[in-house]
Amino acid sequence: MQHVMTARVAAAQATVDAWKGKPFVWGEYDCARLAAYNLKQLGYAPRISRFGYYRSALSATRALRREGFTDVGGWMDSLGLPRIAQAAALPGDILGFGHDDMPLRVGLGVALGNGRMLAFLADQVCHVVDPRYGADGADYYAWSAKPCRS
């Protein structure tokens, strides 16, 4: 178990090092690419390139629909990651938060441990924050991303 936790923490830290402070840019620095980067650190092949070129919420939605998904939560489910309670998330797990006011309905972040996550906020910058950050009426999700390699 120790080597699995070490791999989880290393993946989460590598993601923080690469993404913290990055400005949000559709198709380059967005929540799906953040999650994909973290999953790659854990040994997954999230195939994010299948969504192709997108530069707006509208073109991202079209890319998701073209691949058969209504939101990025559906894409996460398609990767075979089991859904878990957000409170059970360990470093490197993927957290989701959704609200009808969000452009793609579900945003993604990376669990870091100690009640923190890495995610893009309303200021369009990637931050380390408390995962309960959000609007009233938001839905919360989590997917377990146990390392494929450790």
N, C-alpha and C. Protein backbone atom coordinates (compact mmCIF):
# COMPACT_ATOMS: atom_id res chain seq x y z
N MET A 1 0.83 -1.20 0.00
CA MET A 1 0.00 0.00 0.00
C MET A 1 0.87 1.26 0.00
N GLN A 2 2.01 1.21 0.69
CA GLN A 2 2.87 2.40 0.78
C GLN A 2 3.34 2.86 -0.59
N HIS A 3 3.77 1.91 -1.47
CA HIS A 3 4.25 2.31 -2.79
C HIS A 3 3.14 2.90 -3.64
N VAL A 4 1.89 2.44 -3.44
CA VAL A 4 0.75 3.00 -4.17
C VAL A 4 0.52 4.44 -3.73
N MET A 5 0.57 4.69 -2.44
CA MET A 5 0.37 6.05 -1.94
C MET A 5 1.50 6.97 -2.40
N THR A 6 2.72 6.46 -2.39
CA THR A 6 3.86 7.24 -2.86
C THR A 6 3.66 7.64 -4.33
N ALA A 7 3.19 6.69 -5.15
CA ALA A 7 2.94 6.99 -6.56
C ALA A 7 1.81 8.01 -6.73
N ARG A 8 0.77 7.90 -5.90
CA ARG A 8 -0.34 8.85 -5.96
C ARG A 8 0.15 10.27 -5.63
N VAL A 9 0.89 10.37 -4.55
CA VAL A 9 1.39 11.68 -4.11
C VAL A 9 2.33 12.26 -5.15
N ALA A 10 3.21 11.44 -5.72
CA ALA A 10 4.14 11.92 -6.74
C ALA A 10 3.39 12.43 -7.97
N ALA A 11 2.35 11.71 -8.40
CA ALA A 11 1.56 12.14 -9.55
C ALA A 11 0.84 13.46 -9.27
N ALA A 12 0.24 13.55 -8.09
CA ALA A 12 -0.47 14.78 -7.73
C ALA A 12 0.50 15.96 -7.65
N GLN A 13 1.68 15.74 -7.08
CA GLN A 13 2.66 16.83 -6.97
C GLN A 13 3.17 17.25 -8.34
N ALA A 14 3.41 16.29 -9.22
CA ALA A 14 3.84 16.62 -10.58
C ALA A 14 2.78 17.45 -11.29
N THR A 15 1.52 17.14 -11.05
CA THR A 15 0.43 17.90 -11.66
C THR A 15 0.37 19.31 -11.09
N VAL A 16 0.52 19.45 -9.78
CA VAL A 16 0.56 20.79 -9.17
C VAL A 16 1.72 21.58 -9.76
N ASP A 17 2.89 20.98 -9.83
CA ASP A 17 4.07 21.68 -10.34
C ASP A 17 3.87 22.16 -11.78
N ALA A 18 3.18 21.36 -12.58
CA ALA A 18 3.00 21.70 -13.99
C ALA A 18 1.82 22.65 -14.24
N TRP A 19 0.81 22.64 -13.37
CA TRP A 19 -0.44 23.34 -13.66
C TRP A 19 -0.76 24.52 -12.76
N LYS A 20 -0.30 24.54 -11.55
CA LYS A 20 -0.66 25.63 -10.63
C LYS A 20 -0.27 26.98 -11.23
N GLY A 21 -1.23 27.91 -11.23
CA GLY A 21 -1.00 29.25 -11.75
C GLY A 21 -1.24 29.41 -13.24
N LYS A 22 -1.52 28.30 -13.93
CA LYS A 22 -1.77 28.38 -15.38
C LYS A 22 -3.12 29.05 -15.63
N PRO A 23 -3.17 29.94 -16.62
CA PRO A 23 -4.46 30.53 -16.99
C PRO A 23 -5.27 29.55 -17.83
N PHE A 24 -6.56 29.56 -17.65
CA PHE A 24 -7.47 28.68 -18.39
C PHE A 24 -7.46 29.05 -19.87
N VAL A 25 -7.23 28.05 -20.73
CA VAL A 25 -7.29 28.22 -22.18
C VAL A 25 -7.96 26.96 -22.73
N TRP A 26 -9.12 27.11 -23.35
CA TRP A 26 -9.82 25.96 -23.91
C TRP A 26 -8.89 25.17 -24.82
N GLY A 27 -8.88 23.84 -24.63
CA GLY A 27 -8.12 22.95 -25.48
C GLY A 27 -6.64 22.89 -25.19
N GLU A 28 -6.17 23.70 -24.26
CA GLU A 28 -4.75 23.71 -23.91
C GLU A 28 -4.57 23.56 -22.41
N TYR A 29 -5.16 24.45 -21.65
CA TYR A 29 -5.14 24.41 -20.19
C TYR A 29 -6.58 24.51 -19.71
N ASP A 30 -7.26 23.38 -19.65
CA ASP A 30 -8.63 23.32 -19.17
C ASP A 30 -8.77 22.12 -18.23
N CYS A 31 -9.94 21.95 -17.65
CA CYS A 31 -10.08 20.92 -16.63
C CYS A 31 -9.91 19.51 -17.17
N ALA A 32 -10.35 19.26 -18.40
CA ALA A 32 -10.18 17.91 -18.96
C ALA A 32 -8.71 17.60 -19.18
N ARG A 33 -7.96 18.57 -19.66
CA ARG A 33 -6.53 18.35 -19.89
C ARG A 33 -5.76 18.25 -18.56
N LEU A 34 -6.23 18.97 -17.54
CA LEU A 34 -5.65 18.84 -16.19
C LEU A 34 -5.82 17.41 -15.70
N ALA A 35 -7.05 16.90 -15.78
CA ALA A 35 -7.32 15.52 -15.33
C ALA A 35 -6.50 14.53 -16.15
N ALA A 36 -6.44 14.73 -17.47
CA ALA A 36 -5.69 13.82 -18.33
C ALA A 36 -4.20 13.83 -17.98
N TYR A 37 -3.66 15.00 -17.70
CA TYR A 37 -2.24 15.10 -17.32
C TYR A 37 -1.98 14.27 -16.06
N ASN A 38 -2.84 14.44 -15.07
CA ASN A 38 -2.68 13.69 -13.82
C ASN A 38 -2.80 12.19 -14.05
N LEU A 39 -3.78 11.79 -14.85
CA LEU A 39 -3.96 10.37 -15.13
C LEU A 39 -2.76 9.78 -15.85
N LYS A 40 -2.15 10.54 -16.74
CA LYS A 40 -0.94 10.07 -17.42
C LYS A 40 0.19 9.84 -16.42
N GLN A 41 0.27 10.70 -15.40
CA GLN A 41 1.29 10.52 -14.36
C GLN A 41 1.09 9.22 -13.59
N LEU A 42 -0.15 8.74 -13.57
CA LEU A 42 -0.48 7.51 -12.85
C LEU A 42 -0.44 6.27 -13.74
N GLY A 43 -0.11 6.47 -15.02
CA GLY A 43 0.02 5.34 -15.93
C GLY A 43 -1.17 5.08 -16.83
N TYR A 44 -2.17 5.94 -16.81
CA TYR A 44 -3.35 5.78 -17.67
C TYR A 44 -3.09 6.39 -19.05
N ALA A 45 -3.91 5.98 -20.00
CA ALA A 45 -3.90 6.56 -21.35
C ALA A 45 -5.29 7.14 -21.59
N PRO A 46 -5.54 8.38 -21.14
CA PRO A 46 -6.89 8.94 -21.20
C PRO A 46 -7.37 9.33 -22.60
N ARG A 47 -6.51 9.25 -23.60
CA ARG A 47 -6.88 9.52 -24.99
C ARG A 47 -7.59 10.86 -25.17
N ILE A 48 -7.09 11.89 -24.55
CA ILE A 48 -7.69 13.22 -24.66
C ILE A 48 -7.61 13.76 -26.09
N SER A 49 -6.63 13.32 -26.85
CA SER A 49 -6.46 13.83 -28.22
C SER A 49 -7.64 13.46 -29.12
N ARG A 50 -8.42 12.47 -28.74
CA ARG A 50 -9.57 12.08 -29.57
C ARG A 50 -10.60 13.19 -29.68
N PHE A 51 -10.55 14.16 -28.76
CA PHE A 51 -11.50 15.27 -28.80
C PHE A 51 -11.09 16.34 -29.80
N GLY A 52 -9.87 16.24 -30.30
CA GLY A 52 -9.41 17.14 -31.34
C GLY A 52 -9.27 18.58 -30.88
N TYR A 53 -9.39 19.45 -31.84
CA TYR A 53 -9.19 20.89 -31.64
C TYR A 53 -10.47 21.54 -31.13
N TYR A 54 -10.38 22.23 -30.01
CA TYR A 54 -11.51 23.03 -29.52
C TYR A 54 -10.96 24.26 -28.83
N ARG A 55 -11.64 25.38 -28.99
CA ARG A 55 -11.17 26.65 -28.44
C ARG A 55 -12.25 27.45 -27.72
N SER A 56 -13.37 26.80 -27.43
CA SER A 56 -14.45 27.49 -26.73
C SER A 56 -15.33 26.45 -26.04
N ALA A 57 -16.23 26.91 -25.20
CA ALA A 57 -17.16 26.00 -24.55
C ALA A 57 -18.03 25.30 -25.59
N LEU A 58 -18.44 26.04 -26.61
CA LEU A 58 -19.28 25.46 -27.66
C LEU A 58 -18.53 24.36 -28.43
N SER A 59 -17.30 24.63 -28.85
CA SER A 59 -16.57 23.61 -29.60
C SER A 59 -16.15 22.44 -28.70
N ALA A 60 -15.93 22.68 -27.41
CA ALA A 60 -15.65 21.59 -26.47
C ALA A 60 -16.88 20.71 -26.30
N THR A 61 -18.04 21.33 -26.19
CA THR A 61 -19.30 20.57 -26.09
C THR A 61 -19.52 19.74 -27.33
N ARG A 62 -19.26 20.32 -28.49
CA ARG A 62 -19.41 19.58 -29.74
C ARG A 62 -18.44 18.39 -29.79
N ALA A 63 -17.21 18.60 -29.34
CA ALA A 63 -16.22 17.52 -29.33
C ALA A 63 -16.67 16.39 -28.41
N LEU A 64 -17.18 16.73 -27.24
CA LEU A 64 -17.69 15.71 -26.32
C LEU A 64 -18.85 14.94 -26.95
N ARG A 65 -19.79 15.67 -27.54
CA ARG A 65 -20.96 15.02 -28.14
C ARG A 65 -20.55 14.14 -29.33
N ARG A 66 -19.60 14.59 -30.11
CA ARG A 66 -19.11 13.81 -31.25
C ARG A 66 -18.58 12.44 -30.77
N GLU A 67 -18.01 12.42 -29.57
CA GLU A 67 -17.48 11.18 -29.00
C GLU A 67 -18.51 10.43 -28.15
N GLY A 68 -19.74 10.96 -28.09
CA GLY A 68 -20.82 10.27 -27.39
C GLY A 68 -21.03 10.64 -25.94
N PHE A 69 -20.47 11.78 -25.50
CA PHE A 69 -20.61 12.18 -24.10
C PHE A 69 -21.43 13.47 -23.97
N THR A 70 -22.19 13.58 -22.90
CA THR A 70 -22.93 14.81 -22.65
C THR A 70 -22.13 15.80 -21.81
N ASP A 71 -21.14 15.28 -21.06
CA ASP A 71 -20.28 16.14 -20.25
C ASP A 71 -18.97 15.40 -19.95
N VAL A 72 -18.02 16.09 -19.32
CA VAL A 72 -16.73 15.45 -19.04
C VAL A 72 -16.85 14.34 -18.00
N GLY A 73 -17.90 14.37 -17.20
CA GLY A 73 -18.14 13.27 -16.27
C GLY A 73 -18.35 11.95 -17.01
N GLY A 74 -19.06 12.00 -18.12
CA GLY A 74 -19.25 10.81 -18.94
C GLY A 74 -17.94 10.29 -19.50
N TRP A 75 -17.07 11.22 -19.91
CA TRP A 75 -15.74 10.81 -20.38
C TRP A 75 -14.97 10.11 -19.26
N MET A 76 -15.01 10.68 -18.04
CA MET A 76 -14.32 10.05 -16.91
C MET A 76 -14.86 8.65 -16.67
N ASP A 77 -16.19 8.51 -16.71
CA ASP A 77 -16.79 7.18 -16.51
C ASP A 77 -16.30 6.20 -17.58
N SER A 78 -16.13 6.68 -18.81
CA SER A 78 -15.72 5.80 -19.91
C SER A 78 -14.29 5.27 -19.74
N LEU A 79 -13.50 5.92 -18.89
CA LEU A 79 -12.12 5.48 -18.68
C LEU A 79 -12.03 4.28 -17.73
N GLY A 80 -13.17 3.88 -17.18
CA GLY A 80 -13.20 2.72 -16.30
C GLY A 80 -12.79 3.02 -14.87
N LEU A 81 -12.70 4.30 -14.52
CA LEU A 81 -12.37 4.66 -13.15
C LEU A 81 -13.63 4.54 -12.30
N PRO A 82 -13.56 3.83 -11.19
CA PRO A 82 -14.76 3.68 -10.36
C PRO A 82 -15.11 4.99 -9.66
N ARG A 83 -16.40 5.28 -9.61
CA ARG A 83 -16.86 6.44 -8.85
C ARG A 83 -16.77 6.11 -7.36
N ILE A 84 -16.37 7.11 -6.60
CA ILE A 84 -16.26 6.97 -5.15
C ILE A 84 -16.87 8.21 -4.50
N ALA A 85 -17.07 8.15 -3.20
CA ALA A 85 -17.51 9.33 -2.47
C ALA A 85 -16.38 10.35 -2.45
N GLN A 86 -16.71 11.62 -2.59
CA GLN A 86 -15.66 12.65 -2.60
C GLN A 86 -14.83 12.59 -1.32
N ALA A 87 -15.44 12.27 -0.21
CA ALA A 87 -14.71 12.19 1.07
C ALA A 87 -13.70 11.05 1.08
N ALA A 88 -13.84 10.08 0.19
CA ALA A 88 -12.91 8.95 0.12
C ALA A 88 -11.74 9.20 -0.82
N ALA A 89 -11.72 10.35 -1.49
CA ALA A 89 -10.68 10.63 -2.48
C ALA A 89 -9.30 10.70 -1.85
N LEU A 90 -8.35 10.09 -2.53
CA LEU A 90 -6.95 10.10 -2.13
C LEU A 90 -6.17 10.96 -3.13
N PRO A 91 -4.93 11.33 -2.79
CA PRO A 91 -4.14 12.11 -3.74
C PRO A 91 -4.09 11.42 -5.11
N GLY A 92 -4.30 12.22 -6.15
CA GLY A 92 -4.30 11.72 -7.51
C GLY A 92 -5.66 11.32 -8.05
N ASP A 93 -6.66 11.16 -7.16
CA ASP A 93 -8.01 10.87 -7.64
C ASP A 93 -8.56 12.11 -8.33
N ILE A 94 -9.54 11.90 -9.18
CA ILE A 94 -10.15 12.99 -9.92
C ILE A 94 -11.44 13.41 -9.22
N LEU A 95 -11.59 14.69 -8.99
CA LEU A 95 -12.79 15.24 -8.38
C LEU A 95 -13.58 15.98 -9.45
N GLY A 96 -14.89 15.90 -9.36
CA GLY A 96 -15.75 16.61 -10.29
C GLY A 96 -16.73 17.47 -9.51
N PHE A 97 -17.08 18.57 -10.09
CA PHE A 97 -18.08 19.43 -9.48
C PHE A 97 -18.92 20.00 -10.60
N GLY A 98 -20.21 19.96 -10.39
CA GLY A 98 -21.10 20.37 -11.46
C GLY A 98 -22.15 21.34 -11.00
N HIS A 99 -22.55 22.17 -11.94
CA HIS A 99 -23.62 23.13 -11.70
C HIS A 99 -24.18 23.50 -13.06
N ASP A 100 -25.47 23.73 -13.11
CA ASP A 100 -26.10 24.08 -14.39
C ASP A 100 -25.54 25.35 -15.01
N ASP A 101 -24.93 26.22 -14.20
CA ASP A 101 -24.36 27.46 -14.73
C ASP A 101 -22.99 27.27 -15.38
N MET A 102 -22.40 26.09 -15.23
CA MET A 102 -21.07 25.84 -15.79
C MET A 102 -21.20 25.52 -17.28
N PRO A 103 -20.25 25.99 -18.09
CA PRO A 103 -20.36 25.79 -19.54
C PRO A 103 -20.52 24.33 -19.97
N LEU A 104 -19.80 23.40 -19.35
CA LEU A 104 -19.90 21.99 -19.74
C LEU A 104 -20.59 21.15 -18.68
N ARG A 105 -21.23 21.79 -17.72
CA ARG A 105 -22.00 21.16 -16.66
C ARG A 105 -21.14 20.53 -15.57
N VAL A 106 -19.98 19.95 -15.91
CA VAL A 106 -19.10 19.32 -14.91
C VAL A 106 -17.67 19.80 -15.13
N GLY A 107 -17.05 20.28 -14.06
CA GLY A 107 -15.63 20.64 -14.09
C GLY A 107 -14.84 19.58 -13.34
N LEU A 108 -13.55 19.48 -13.62
CA LEU A 108 -12.72 18.46 -12.99
C LEU A 108 -11.56 19.09 -12.23
N GLY A 109 -11.13 18.41 -11.19
CA GLY A 109 -9.96 18.81 -10.43
C GLY A 109 -9.22 17.55 -9.97
N VAL A 110 -8.10 17.75 -9.32
CA VAL A 110 -7.27 16.64 -8.85
C VAL A 110 -7.18 16.71 -7.33
N ALA A 111 -7.50 15.61 -6.67
CA ALA A 111 -7.38 15.54 -5.21
C ALA A 111 -5.91 15.55 -4.82
N LEU A 112 -5.59 16.34 -3.78
CA LEU A 112 -4.21 16.46 -3.33
C LEU A 112 -3.98 15.91 -1.93
N GLY A 113 -5.03 15.67 -1.20
CA GLY A 113 -4.91 15.25 0.20
C GLY A 113 -5.07 16.43 1.13
N ASN A 114 -5.24 16.16 2.39
CA ASN A 114 -5.43 17.20 3.40
C ASN A 114 -6.56 18.16 3.04
N GLY A 115 -7.59 17.65 2.40
CA GLY A 115 -8.75 18.45 2.07
C GLY A 115 -8.50 19.50 1.00
N ARG A 116 -7.56 19.26 0.12
CA ARG A 116 -7.24 20.22 -0.94
C ARG A 116 -7.38 19.58 -2.31
N MET A 117 -7.56 20.43 -3.32
CA MET A 117 -7.57 19.95 -4.70
C MET A 117 -6.96 21.01 -5.60
N LEU A 118 -6.59 20.59 -6.78
CA LEU A 118 -6.08 21.49 -7.81
C LEU A 118 -7.18 21.63 -8.85
N ALA A 119 -7.59 22.87 -9.13
CA ALA A 119 -8.69 23.09 -10.07
C ALA A 119 -8.68 24.53 -10.57
N PHE A 120 -9.34 24.72 -11.69
CA PHE A 120 -9.56 26.07 -12.21
C PHE A 120 -10.74 26.68 -11.48
N LEU A 121 -10.61 27.95 -11.11
CA LEU A 121 -11.68 28.66 -10.42
C LEU A 121 -12.28 29.73 -11.32
N ALA A 122 -13.22 30.46 -10.77
CA ALA A 122 -13.93 31.50 -11.54
C ALA A 122 -12.98 32.55 -12.10
N ASP A 123 -11.81 32.74 -11.48
CA ASP A 123 -10.86 33.74 -12.00
C ASP A 123 -10.08 33.21 -13.20
N GLN A 124 -10.40 31.97 -13.64
CA GLN A 124 -9.79 31.36 -14.82
C GLN A 124 -8.31 31.03 -14.63
N VAL A 125 -7.92 30.73 -13.39
CA VAL A 125 -6.55 30.34 -13.07
C VAL A 125 -6.61 29.04 -12.26
N CYS A 126 -5.62 28.17 -12.45
CA CYS A 126 -5.55 26.91 -11.74
C CYS A 126 -4.95 27.14 -10.35
N HIS A 127 -5.69 26.74 -9.31
CA HIS A 127 -5.30 26.98 -7.92
C HIS A 127 -5.36 25.69 -7.10
N VAL A 128 -4.65 25.68 -5.98
CA VAL A 128 -4.84 24.67 -4.94
C VAL A 128 -5.88 25.25 -4.00
N VAL A 129 -7.00 24.54 -3.85
CA VAL A 129 -8.14 25.06 -3.09
C VAL A 129 -8.82 23.97 -2.27
N ASP A 130 -9.76 24.38 -1.46
CA ASP A 130 -10.65 23.51 -0.73
C ASP A 130 -11.67 22.96 -1.73
N PRO A 131 -11.89 21.64 -1.81
CA PRO A 131 -12.80 21.09 -2.82
C PRO A 131 -14.27 21.43 -2.61
N ARG A 132 -14.60 22.03 -1.47
CA ARG A 132 -15.99 22.42 -1.26
C ARG A 132 -16.29 23.77 -1.88
N TYR A 133 -15.27 24.39 -2.47
CA TYR A 133 -15.47 25.66 -3.15
C TYR A 133 -16.51 25.44 -4.24
N GLY A 134 -17.50 26.28 -4.30
CA GLY A 134 -18.50 26.14 -5.34
C GLY A 134 -19.79 26.85 -5.00
N ALA A 135 -20.72 26.73 -5.88
CA ALA A 135 -22.00 27.41 -5.76
C ALA A 135 -23.00 26.55 -5.02
N ASP A 136 -23.99 27.20 -4.43
CA ASP A 136 -25.09 26.46 -3.84
C ASP A 136 -25.74 25.62 -4.93
N GLY A 137 -26.12 24.43 -4.60
CA GLY A 137 -26.77 23.55 -5.56
C GLY A 137 -25.80 22.78 -6.44
N ALA A 138 -24.51 22.89 -6.16
CA ALA A 138 -23.52 22.16 -6.98
C ALA A 138 -23.56 20.67 -6.64
N ASP A 139 -23.24 19.86 -7.64
CA ASP A 139 -23.10 18.42 -7.46
C ASP A 139 -21.61 18.10 -7.37
N TYR A 140 -21.27 17.09 -6.59
CA TYR A 140 -19.87 16.72 -6.42
C TYR A 140 -19.69 15.26 -6.78
N TYR A 141 -18.59 14.96 -7.45
CA TYR A 141 -18.28 13.63 -7.92
C TYR A 141 -16.81 13.32 -7.59
N ALA A 142 -16.46 12.05 -7.65
CA ALA A 142 -15.06 11.66 -7.52
C ALA A 142 -14.86 10.31 -8.19
N TRP A 143 -13.68 10.15 -8.79
CA TRP A 143 -13.29 8.91 -9.45
C TRP A 143 -11.96 8.46 -8.87
N SER A 144 -11.86 7.19 -8.50
CA SER A 144 -10.63 6.64 -7.97
C SER A 144 -9.66 6.38 -9.11
N ALA A 145 -8.44 6.87 -8.97
CA ALA A 145 -7.40 6.70 -10.00
C ALA A 145 -6.21 5.98 -9.39
N LYS A 146 -6.41 4.74 -9.02
CA LYS A 146 -5.31 3.94 -8.47
C LYS A 146 -4.21 3.83 -9.52
N PRO A 147 -2.96 4.04 -9.16
CA PRO A 147 -1.87 4.00 -10.14
C PRO A 147 -1.84 2.69 -10.92
N CYS A 148 -1.62 2.80 -12.22
CA CYS A 148 -1.42 1.62 -13.09
C CYS A 148 0.02 1.15 -12.98
N ARG A 149 0.90 2.08 -12.63
CA ARG A 149 2.32 1.75 -12.42
C ARG A 149 2.75 2.46 -11.15
N SER A 150 3.62 1.85 -10.40
CA SER A 150 4.10 2.49 -9.16
C SER A 150 5.54 2.14 -8.91
